Protein backbone atom coordinates (compact mmCIF):
# COMPACT_ATOMS: atom_id res chain seq x y z
CA UNK A 1 0.00 0.00 0.00
CA UNK A 2 1.29 3.45 -0.81
CA UNK A 3 0.92 4.96 2.60
CA UNK A 4 1.64 8.63 2.16
CA UNK A 5 -1.70 9.27 0.47
CA UNK A 6 -3.54 7.58 3.30
CA UNK A 7 -1.92 9.37 6.23
CA UNK A 8 -3.04 12.62 7.82
CA UNK A 9 -0.05 14.36 9.36
CA UNK A 10 0.18 15.80 12.85
CA UNK A 11 1.75 19.25 12.66
CA UNK A 12 3.24 20.99 15.70
CA UNK A 13 2.36 24.68 16.02
CA UNK A 14 3.64 27.05 18.70
CA UNK A 15 1.38 29.95 19.65
CA UNK A 16 1.97 32.14 22.70
CA UNK A 17 4.32 29.57 24.14
CA UNK A 18 1.76 26.75 23.98
CA UNK A 19 2.46 23.62 21.97
CA UNK A 20 -0.59 22.54 20.02
CA UNK A 21 -1.19 19.70 17.59
CA UNK A 22 -3.25 20.05 14.46
CA UNK A 23 -5.04 17.05 13.05
CA UNK A 24 -4.91 17.54 9.26
CA UNK A 25 -7.31 15.88 6.87
CA UNK A 26 -9.65 14.16 9.29
CA UNK A 27 -11.96 14.46 12.26
CA UNK A 28 -12.53 12.85 15.63
CA UNK A 29 -14.53 9.68 16.17
CA UNK A 30 -17.69 11.66 16.92
CA UNK A 31 -17.44 13.33 13.51
CA UNK A 32 -16.79 16.84 14.85
CA UNK A 33 -13.97 18.83 13.29
CA UNK A 34 -11.94 20.63 15.96
CA UNK A 35 -10.08 23.93 15.65
CA UNK A 36 -7.38 24.10 18.35
CA UNK A 37 -7.04 27.88 18.07
CA UNK A 38 -10.74 28.37 18.64
CA UNK A 39 -10.57 25.95 21.55
CA UNK A 40 -7.69 27.86 23.14
CA UNK A 41 -9.55 31.16 23.01
CA UNK A 42 -12.90 29.89 24.28
CA UNK A 43 -12.00 26.95 26.54
CA UNK A 44 -12.72 28.76 29.81
CA UNK A 45 -16.36 29.65 29.07
CA UNK A 46 -17.53 27.14 26.47
CA UNK A 47 -19.69 24.22 27.59
CA UNK A 48 -19.04 21.80 24.73
CA UNK A 49 -21.17 18.94 26.04
CA UNK A 50 -23.99 21.13 27.38
CA UNK A 51 -24.00 19.60 30.86
CA UNK A 52 -23.95 22.96 32.67
CA UNK A 53 -20.25 22.80 33.54
CA UNK A 54 -17.91 25.06 31.47
CA UNK A 55 -15.04 23.30 29.75
CA UNK A 56 -12.58 25.09 32.03
CA UNK A 57 -13.87 23.21 35.10
CA UNK A 58 -15.39 20.14 33.43
CA UNK A 59 -13.14 17.08 33.86
CA UNK A 60 -14.94 15.55 30.84
CA UNK A 61 -15.84 18.48 28.57
CA UNK A 62 -17.07 16.21 25.76
CA UNK A 63 -19.09 13.83 27.91
CA UNK A 64 -22.46 15.26 29.03
CA UNK A 65 -22.85 12.48 31.61
CA UNK A 66 -19.64 13.28 33.55
CA UNK A 67 -17.96 16.42 34.90
CA UNK A 68 -16.04 15.35 38.06
CA UNK A 69 -13.34 12.71 38.63
CA UNK A 70 -12.82 12.87 42.39
CA UNK A 71 -10.33 10.01 42.63
CA UNK A 72 -8.43 10.91 39.42
CA UNK A 73 -8.73 7.43 37.96
CA UNK A 74 -10.07 8.60 34.61
CA UNK A 75 -13.63 7.45 35.30
CA UNK A 76 -16.22 10.09 36.12
CA UNK A 77 -17.91 9.95 39.49
CA UNK A 78 -21.30 9.10 37.99
CA UNK A 79 -20.01 5.93 36.32
CA UNK A 80 -17.36 5.23 38.94
CA UNK A 81 -19.66 4.88 41.94
CA UNK A 82 -17.09 7.12 43.63
CA UNK A 83 -15.08 6.62 45.71
CA UNK A 84 -13.27 3.92 43.78
CA UNK A 85 -11.37 0.91 45.10
CA UNK A 86 -8.00 2.06 43.75
CA UNK A 87 -5.99 -0.99 44.75
CA UNK A 88 -8.67 -3.49 43.74
CA UNK A 89 -8.56 -5.29 47.11
CA UNK A 90 -12.31 -5.26 47.72
CA UNK A 91 -12.28 -2.35 50.18
CA UNK A 92 -13.71 1.00 49.14
CA UNK A 93 -11.33 3.95 49.41
CA UNK A 94 -13.53 5.52 52.10
CA UNK A 95 -12.71 2.68 54.50
CA UNK A 96 -9.43 1.31 53.11
CA UNK A 97 -6.63 2.12 55.56
CA UNK A 98 -4.00 1.05 53.01
CA UNK A 99 -5.62 2.48 49.84
CA UNK A 100 -2.72 1.79 47.46
CA UNK A 101 -2.15 -1.87 48.26
CA UNK A 102 -3.73 -5.06 49.57
CA UNK A 103 -2.37 -5.20 53.13
CA UNK A 104 -1.02 -8.30 54.79
CA UNK A 105 1.70 -9.50 57.15
CA UNK A 106 4.74 -11.72 57.12
CA UNK A 107 4.83 -13.71 60.38
CA UNK A 108 8.30 -15.12 60.94
CA UNK A 109 8.96 -17.88 63.47
CA UNK A 110 12.60 -17.19 64.27
CA UNK A 111 13.34 -19.68 67.06
CA UNK A 112 11.69 -21.99 69.59
CA UNK A 113 13.02 -22.77 73.07
CA UNK A 114 11.73 -25.65 75.23
CA UNK A 115 12.46 -25.16 78.94
CA UNK A 116 10.43 -27.92 80.64
CA UNK A 117 10.07 -31.64 79.97
CA UNK A 118 7.01 -32.08 77.82
CA UNK A 119 6.31 -35.83 77.51
CA UNK A 120 5.98 -38.59 80.08
CA UNK A 121 7.52 -41.26 77.86
CA UNK A 122 10.23 -39.19 76.19
CA UNK A 123 11.18 -35.84 77.64
CA UNK A 124 14.20 -35.08 75.46
CA UNK A 125 12.46 -33.58 72.42
CA UNK A 126 9.27 -31.63 71.78
CA UNK A 127 7.41 -32.07 68.49
CA UNK A 128 6.17 -28.52 68.03
CA UNK A 129 3.50 -26.91 65.86
CA UNK A 130 1.60 -23.65 66.30
CA UNK A 131 -2.12 -22.91 66.06
CA UNK A 132 -2.89 -19.47 64.63
CA UNK A 133 -6.03 -17.36 65.06
CA UNK A 134 -6.40 -13.90 63.48
CA UNK A 135 -9.34 -11.71 64.47
CA UNK A 136 -11.14 -14.73 65.86
CA UNK A 137 -10.75 -16.76 62.65
CA UNK A 138 -8.86 -20.07 62.82
CA UNK A 139 -6.05 -19.78 60.27
CA UNK A 140 -4.86 -23.35 60.76
CA UNK A 141 -1.53 -24.82 61.77
CA UNK A 142 1.97 -23.43 61.35
CA UNK A 143 4.64 -26.07 60.90
CA UNK A 144 7.51 -27.06 58.64
CA UNK A 145 5.79 -27.94 55.35
CA UNK A 146 3.38 -30.29 57.13
CA UNK A 147 5.91 -31.68 59.61
CA UNK A 148 6.44 -30.71 63.25
CA UNK A 149 9.54 -28.87 64.41
CA UNK A 150 11.70 -31.17 66.51
CA UNK A 151 12.99 -29.05 69.39
CA UNK A 152 15.30 -30.55 72.06
CA UNK A 153 14.34 -29.78 75.66
CA UNK A 154 16.60 -27.30 77.44
CA UNK A 155 17.85 -25.53 74.30
CA UNK A 156 16.88 -23.13 71.54
CA UNK A 157 16.14 -24.33 68.00
CA UNK A 158 16.50 -21.95 65.08
CA UNK A 159 13.48 -22.03 62.76
CA UNK A 160 13.48 -18.94 60.49
CA UNK A 161 10.32 -19.79 58.55
CA UNK A 162 7.95 -17.10 57.31
CA UNK A 163 4.19 -17.33 56.79
CA UNK A 164 2.13 -14.73 54.89
CA UNK A 165 -1.45 -13.74 55.65
CA UNK A 166 -3.93 -11.28 54.17
CA UNK A 167 -5.62 -8.81 56.52
CA UNK A 168 -8.81 -6.82 56.16
CA UNK A 169 -7.80 -3.35 55.00
CA UNK A 170 -10.72 -1.64 56.76
CA UNK A 171 -9.57 -2.74 60.24
CA UNK A 172 -6.59 -0.98 61.77
CA UNK A 173 -5.85 -3.25 64.73
CA UNK A 174 -5.79 -7.01 64.24
CA UNK A 175 -5.64 -9.52 67.08
CA UNK A 176 -3.18 -12.34 66.46
CA UNK A 177 -3.11 -15.40 68.73
CA UNK A 178 -0.44 -18.11 68.59
CA UNK A 179 -0.77 -21.27 70.66
CA UNK A 180 2.32 -23.47 70.70
CA UNK A 181 1.61 -27.19 70.89
CA UNK A 182 3.65 -30.32 71.56
CA UNK A 183 2.29 -33.19 69.49
CA UNK A 184 1.51 -36.44 71.29
CA UNK A 185 1.26 -39.89 69.79
CA UNK A 186 -2.12 -40.18 71.48
CA UNK A 187 -4.44 -37.22 71.94
CA UNK A 188 -4.34 -33.63 70.70
CA UNK A 189 -1.05 -32.72 72.34
CA UNK A 190 -0.02 -30.40 75.15
CA UNK A 191 -0.17 -26.62 75.22
CA UNK A 192 3.22 -25.05 75.81
CA UNK A 193 3.36 -21.87 77.89
CA UNK A 194 4.65 -18.86 75.91
CA UNK A 195 2.74 -16.21 77.88
CA UNK A 196 5.25 -14.52 80.14
CA UNK A 197 2.81 -12.05 81.67
CA UNK A 198 0.32 -14.32 83.48
CA UNK A 199 0.69 -17.70 85.23
CA UNK A 200 -2.80 -18.55 84.01
CA UNK A 201 -2.16 -17.73 80.37
CA UNK A 202 -0.28 -19.80 77.80
CA UNK A 203 -1.06 -18.25 74.41
CA UNK A 204 0.86 -15.42 72.75
CA UNK A 205 -1.58 -12.58 72.00
CA UNK A 206 -0.56 -9.46 70.10
CA UNK A 207 -2.52 -6.65 68.46
CA UNK A 208 -1.01 -5.58 65.14
CA UNK A 209 -1.56 -2.07 63.70
CA UNK A 210 -1.57 -2.19 59.87
CA UNK A 211 -1.09 1.58 59.60
CA UNK A 212 1.91 1.88 61.95
CA UNK A 213 3.27 -1.60 61.22
CA UNK A 214 3.81 -2.26 64.94
CA UNK A 215 2.23 -4.43 67.61
CA UNK A 216 1.65 -4.65 71.35
CA UNK A 217 1.09 -7.83 73.38
CA UNK A 218 2.29 -10.25 76.03
CA UNK A 219 5.79 -10.41 74.59
CA UNK A 220 8.96 -8.37 75.05
CA UNK A 221 10.42 -7.07 71.78
CA UNK A 222 9.36 -10.15 69.84
CA UNK A 223 10.15 -12.70 72.55
CA UNK A 224 7.25 -14.58 74.15
CA UNK A 225 8.80 -16.39 77.12
CA UNK A 226 6.49 -18.48 79.31
CA UNK A 227 9.09 -18.80 82.07
CA UNK A 228 8.96 -15.04 82.70
CA UNK A 229 5.61 -15.25 84.51
CA UNK A 230 7.13 -16.35 87.82
CA UNK A 231 6.79 -20.10 87.23
CA UNK A 232 10.30 -20.81 85.91
CA UNK A 233 10.92 -23.33 88.71
CA UNK A 234 7.66 -25.15 88.06
CA UNK A 235 7.27 -27.88 85.45
CA UNK A 236 4.38 -26.27 83.59
CA UNK A 237 5.57 -26.74 79.99
CA UNK A 238 7.41 -23.43 79.82
CA UNK A 239 8.69 -22.52 76.37
CA UNK A 240 9.71 -19.43 74.41
CA UNK A 241 9.01 -18.16 70.94
CA UNK A 242 11.10 -15.58 69.13
CA UNK A 243 9.07 -14.04 66.30
CA UNK A 244 8.67 -11.01 64.04
CA UNK A 245 5.75 -9.43 62.18
CA UNK A 246 6.40 -7.22 59.16
CA UNK A 247 4.03 -5.58 56.66
CA UNK A 248 3.42 -7.45 53.43
CA UNK A 249 1.87 -6.07 50.25
CA UNK A 250 0.14 -8.65 48.11
CA UNK A 251 1.21 -8.54 44.49
CA UNK A 252 -0.94 -9.90 41.74
CA UNK A 253 0.50 -12.69 39.59
CA UNK A 254 -0.95 -12.90 36.11
CA UNK A 255 -0.67 -15.87 33.76
CA UNK A 256 -0.56 -15.08 30.03
CA UNK A 257 -1.07 -17.71 27.36
CA UNK A 258 -0.87 -17.18 23.60
CA UNK A 259 0.04 -18.88 20.34
CA UNK A 260 2.77 -17.95 17.88
CA UNK A 261 3.62 -19.85 14.69
CA UNK A 262 1.38 -22.71 15.81
CA UNK A 263 3.17 -23.15 19.15
CA UNK A 264 1.67 -22.35 22.55
CA UNK A 265 3.52 -20.07 24.96
CA UNK A 266 2.89 -18.90 28.51
CA UNK A 267 4.52 -16.71 31.13
CA UNK A 268 3.76 -15.37 34.57
CA UNK A 269 4.12 -11.70 35.47
CA UNK A 270 4.04 -10.18 38.96
CA UNK A 271 2.24 -6.84 39.08
CA UNK A 272 2.28 -4.98 42.43
CA UNK A 273 -1.18 -3.76 43.35
CA UNK A 274 0.46 -0.46 44.31
CA UNK A 275 1.61 -0.01 40.69
CA UNK A 276 -1.90 -0.66 39.47
CA UNK A 277 -3.29 1.84 41.98
CA UNK A 278 -0.73 4.42 40.87
CA UNK A 279 -1.92 4.09 37.27
CA UNK A 280 -5.54 4.47 38.29
CA UNK A 281 -4.71 7.62 40.25
CA UNK A 282 -2.88 9.27 37.34
CA UNK A 283 -4.62 12.51 36.44
CA UNK A 284 -4.23 12.16 32.67
CA UNK A 285 -7.44 12.47 30.66
CA UNK A 286 -8.71 9.06 29.58
CA UNK A 287 -12.19 9.31 28.15
CA UNK A 288 -12.08 12.28 25.79
CA UNK A 289 -9.12 13.61 23.84
CA UNK A 290 -8.69 16.99 22.21
CA UNK A 291 -6.10 15.40 19.96
CA UNK A 292 -4.48 12.02 19.74
CA UNK A 293 -1.10 13.36 20.85
CA UNK A 294 -2.28 12.38 24.34
CA UNK A 295 -1.27 8.85 23.37
CA UNK A 296 2.33 9.74 24.23
CA UNK A 297 1.46 9.91 27.92
CA UNK A 298 0.34 6.28 27.86
CA UNK A 299 3.52 4.84 26.34
CA UNK A 300 5.58 3.77 29.37
CA UNK A 301 8.65 2.06 27.96
CA UNK A 302 10.68 2.65 31.13
CA UNK A 303 8.16 1.14 33.54
CA UNK A 304 9.81 -1.68 35.58
CA UNK A 305 6.89 -4.01 34.89
CA UNK A 306 7.17 -3.43 31.14
CA UNK A 307 10.92 -4.06 31.33
CA UNK A 308 10.34 -7.25 33.31
CA UNK A 309 7.81 -8.46 30.75
CA UNK A 310 10.13 -7.60 27.88
CA UNK A 311 13.00 -9.48 29.52
CA UNK A 312 10.84 -12.60 29.76
CA UNK A 313 9.68 -12.30 26.14
CA UNK A 314 13.21 -11.71 24.83
CA UNK A 315 14.52 -14.69 26.80
CA UNK A 316 11.84 -16.87 25.23
CA UNK A 317 12.66 -15.51 21.75
CA UNK A 318 16.35 -16.17 22.31
CA UNK A 319 15.61 -19.76 23.35
CA UNK A 320 13.71 -20.17 20.08
CA UNK A 321 16.57 -18.50 18.15
CA UNK A 322 14.20 -15.99 16.57
CA UNK A 323 15.59 -13.30 14.27
CA UNK A 324 15.16 -9.64 15.21
CA UNK A 325 12.13 -9.29 12.96
CA UNK A 326 10.57 -12.50 14.23
CA UNK A 327 11.12 -11.34 17.80
CA UNK A 328 9.06 -8.24 17.02
CA UNK A 329 6.31 -10.49 15.62
CA UNK A 330 6.59 -12.65 18.75
CA UNK A 331 6.11 -9.64 21.03
CA UNK A 332 3.22 -8.51 18.82
CA UNK A 333 1.59 -11.94 19.17
CA UNK A 334 1.75 -11.59 22.97
CA UNK A 335 -0.26 -8.36 22.76
CA UNK A 336 -2.68 -9.96 20.29
CA UNK A 337 -3.26 -12.75 22.82
CA UNK A 338 -4.76 -10.37 25.39
CA UNK A 339 -8.53 -10.66 25.50
CA UNK A 340 -10.33 -7.96 23.53
CA UNK A 341 -13.15 -6.16 25.31
CA UNK A 342 -15.12 -2.96 24.87
CA UNK A 343 -14.60 -0.20 27.43
CA UNK A 344 -18.34 0.04 27.93
CA UNK A 345 -18.39 -3.58 29.11
CA UNK A 346 -15.35 -3.38 31.42
CA UNK A 347 -15.43 0.13 32.92
CA UNK A 348 -18.90 1.36 31.98
CA UNK A 349 -17.83 4.20 29.66
CA UNK A 350 -17.67 4.45 25.88
CA UNK A 351 -13.96 5.31 25.77
CA UNK A 352 -11.24 4.67 28.36
CA UNK A 353 -7.52 4.45 27.70
CA UNK A 354 -5.55 2.12 29.95
CA UNK A 355 -1.92 2.44 30.87
CA UNK A 356 0.02 -0.69 29.83
CA UNK A 357 0.28 -1.88 33.45
CA UNK A 358 -3.51 -1.66 33.73
CA UNK A 359 -3.96 -3.70 30.56
CA UNK A 360 -1.62 -6.37 31.94
CA UNK A 361 -3.28 -6.32 35.35
CA UNK A 362 -6.82 -6.46 33.92
CA UNK A 363 -5.70 -8.87 31.17
CA UNK A 364 -8.13 -7.24 28.78
CA UNK A 365 -8.57 -4.11 26.70
CA UNK A 366 -9.46 -2.72 23.31
CA UNK A 367 -7.33 -1.54 20.38
CA UNK A 368 -5.95 1.52 22.17
CA UNK A 369 -4.93 -0.47 25.22
CA UNK A 370 -3.07 -3.26 23.43
CA UNK A 371 -1.49 -0.79 20.98
CA UNK A 372 -0.15 1.35 23.82
CA UNK A 373 1.20 -1.78 25.47
CA UNK A 374 2.90 -2.91 22.25
CA UNK A 375 4.34 0.55 21.62
CA UNK A 376 5.80 0.55 25.13
CA UNK A 377 7.44 -2.83 24.56
CA UNK A 378 8.78 -1.82 21.13
CA UNK A 379 10.27 1.42 22.45
CA UNK A 380 11.83 -0.53 25.34
CA UNK A 381 13.40 -2.83 22.73
CA UNK A 382 15.12 0.20 21.22
CA UNK A 383 12.96 0.55 18.11
CA UNK A 384 11.22 3.71 16.91
CA UNK A 385 7.42 3.63 17.08
CA UNK A 386 4.51 5.81 16.02
CA UNK A 387 0.85 5.48 16.87
CA UNK A 388 -1.28 4.93 13.74
CA UNK A 389 -4.89 5.95 14.24
CA UNK A 390 -7.54 5.43 11.60
CA UNK A 391 -10.99 6.67 12.66
CA UNK A 392 -12.10 4.90 15.84
CA UNK A 393 -9.07 2.61 15.84
CA UNK A 394 -5.45 2.51 16.95
CA UNK A 395 -2.43 0.51 15.86
CA UNK A 396 1.36 0.88 15.93
CA UNK A 397 3.99 1.56 13.30
CA UNK A 398 7.53 0.26 13.78
CA UNK A 399 10.43 1.82 11.90
CA UNK A 400 12.16 -0.87 9.81
CA UNK A 401 14.51 -0.87 6.87
CA UNK A 402 12.41 -2.94 4.50
CA UNK A 403 9.91 -5.79 4.64
CA UNK A 404 9.17 -7.21 1.17
CA UNK A 405 5.43 -7.04 0.57
CA UNK A 406 4.84 -5.33 3.92
CA UNK A 407 2.57 -2.30 4.28
CA UNK A 408 4.22 0.81 5.65
CA UNK A 409 3.71 4.53 5.95
CA UNK A 410 6.28 7.20 5.25
CA UNK A 411 6.63 9.62 8.13
CA UNK A 412 9.54 11.86 9.07
CA UNK A 413 11.70 10.27 6.41
CA UNK A 414 11.25 6.75 7.77
CA UNK A 415 9.19 3.70 6.83
CA UNK A 416 6.91 2.59 9.66
CA UNK A 417 5.42 -0.86 9.17
CA UNK A 418 1.89 -1.38 10.38
CA UNK A 419 1.33 -3.61 13.45
CA UNK A 420 -2.23 -4.67 14.34
CA UNK A 421 -2.70 -5.70 17.99
CA UNK A 422 -6.35 -6.78 18.03
CA UNK A 423 -6.22 -9.75 15.69
CA UNK A 424 -4.23 -12.97 15.74
CA UNK A 425 -1.48 -14.21 13.44
CA UNK A 426 -1.00 -10.71 12.02
CA UNK A 427 2.68 -9.95 11.59
CA UNK A 428 4.48 -6.64 11.22
CA UNK A 429 3.62 -5.16 7.84
CA UNK A 430 0.13 -6.64 7.53
CA UNK A 431 -2.49 -3.93 7.11
CA UNK A 432 -6.10 -5.16 7.53
CA UNK A 433 -8.05 -4.48 4.33
CA UNK A 434 -11.01 -2.99 6.20
CA UNK A 435 -8.94 0.09 7.14
CA UNK A 436 -6.68 0.40 4.10
CA UNK A 437 -8.66 3.29 2.64
CA UNK A 438 -8.94 5.28 5.87
CA UNK A 439 -7.18 8.52 6.66
CA UNK A 440 -4.92 8.10 9.69
CA UNK A 441 -3.54 10.34 12.38
CA UNK A 442 0.14 9.69 13.13
CA UNK A 443 1.72 10.53 16.47
CA UNK A 444 5.42 10.12 17.13
CA UNK A 445 5.90 8.29 20.43
CA UNK A 446 9.27 9.86 21.25
């Protein structure tokens, strides 16, 4: 395809120190031609969507159903059921005490000491496990991968095993109870005394504050010593537990599966919920765009998650001994493997641009979302990319020397070969026939 006749250029114009972009030879998806100079002069008083809120204060000046975005996640309050659950942990932001992450704890059993004989038949070793209750809920048994800890009487045994638990983010103080048990051949076992504050008590009880990351309880600086209650000379199953509790943020692990050249591939990617929340809180406009140059803000080639994903994809391509061009097609096939969905079905609005991390986290998106993801990966690979936007569509162009029979556009003295992210088995240079005769807006990513 001869591309130059099909491409509408984006021309940079500087007026009064403001950088504007003119869309030449086309219009926006709603069919309205837009004059940026007229917009600049009248933006403060005009009410484009007629919702009663002037464009200067309207967060969505082209959407008559929305005018405020209180949590800056790109979804208007009317559709968002504001406030939003930014970190996607099931707790609304009005009650979430850790709004940017799913809060949890790491409970580390550092060491166990057995001070008193524990068995009638054999008093040289205790077979130890711990029963855990959090906020009144039985969390089960702590042990060494299903086996008891064998702890000699009269000495300290190093354990250093960590257990992770999710906590309700709308509760600040969580009660944690640990009951240390010695397993018996017959019966349920004996309770070991690790409460050093009361002769009557045996269980370690602490109250953990998820905001401060600290706790208070019947221990002393992480040592629960049952012999400190005044009964050290009495054979009452005294023991000690050295432990630590640290904050833990639950990261989401996503499994991606796709097919390339008839072979199935898969990889896992860890996406911190805090990174997802940060994307949702970004103040960039998502639903309406004065010009498509906004796409630049969504290309995040230096994001650590994008770089981690690219590293995994490039390692897989290297194992397969793919050429440079085939590696690009392989990365493109990954993006094509993400489930396509309409914004109206997933976020309840007609148009919503996701950051690449959001697309990976949600594992779904439309043409803009997967194109922005692919552009981010391509730029991270060191290639030059442009966004190619026919009416109501988005794709990516990758600068390449030559691809025989491939469709490209000429822009800035370079050939950019078309990359479609919403189909399958479409390689770099294939231009879908249904959009071949469409005028396109071109935006340079860098």
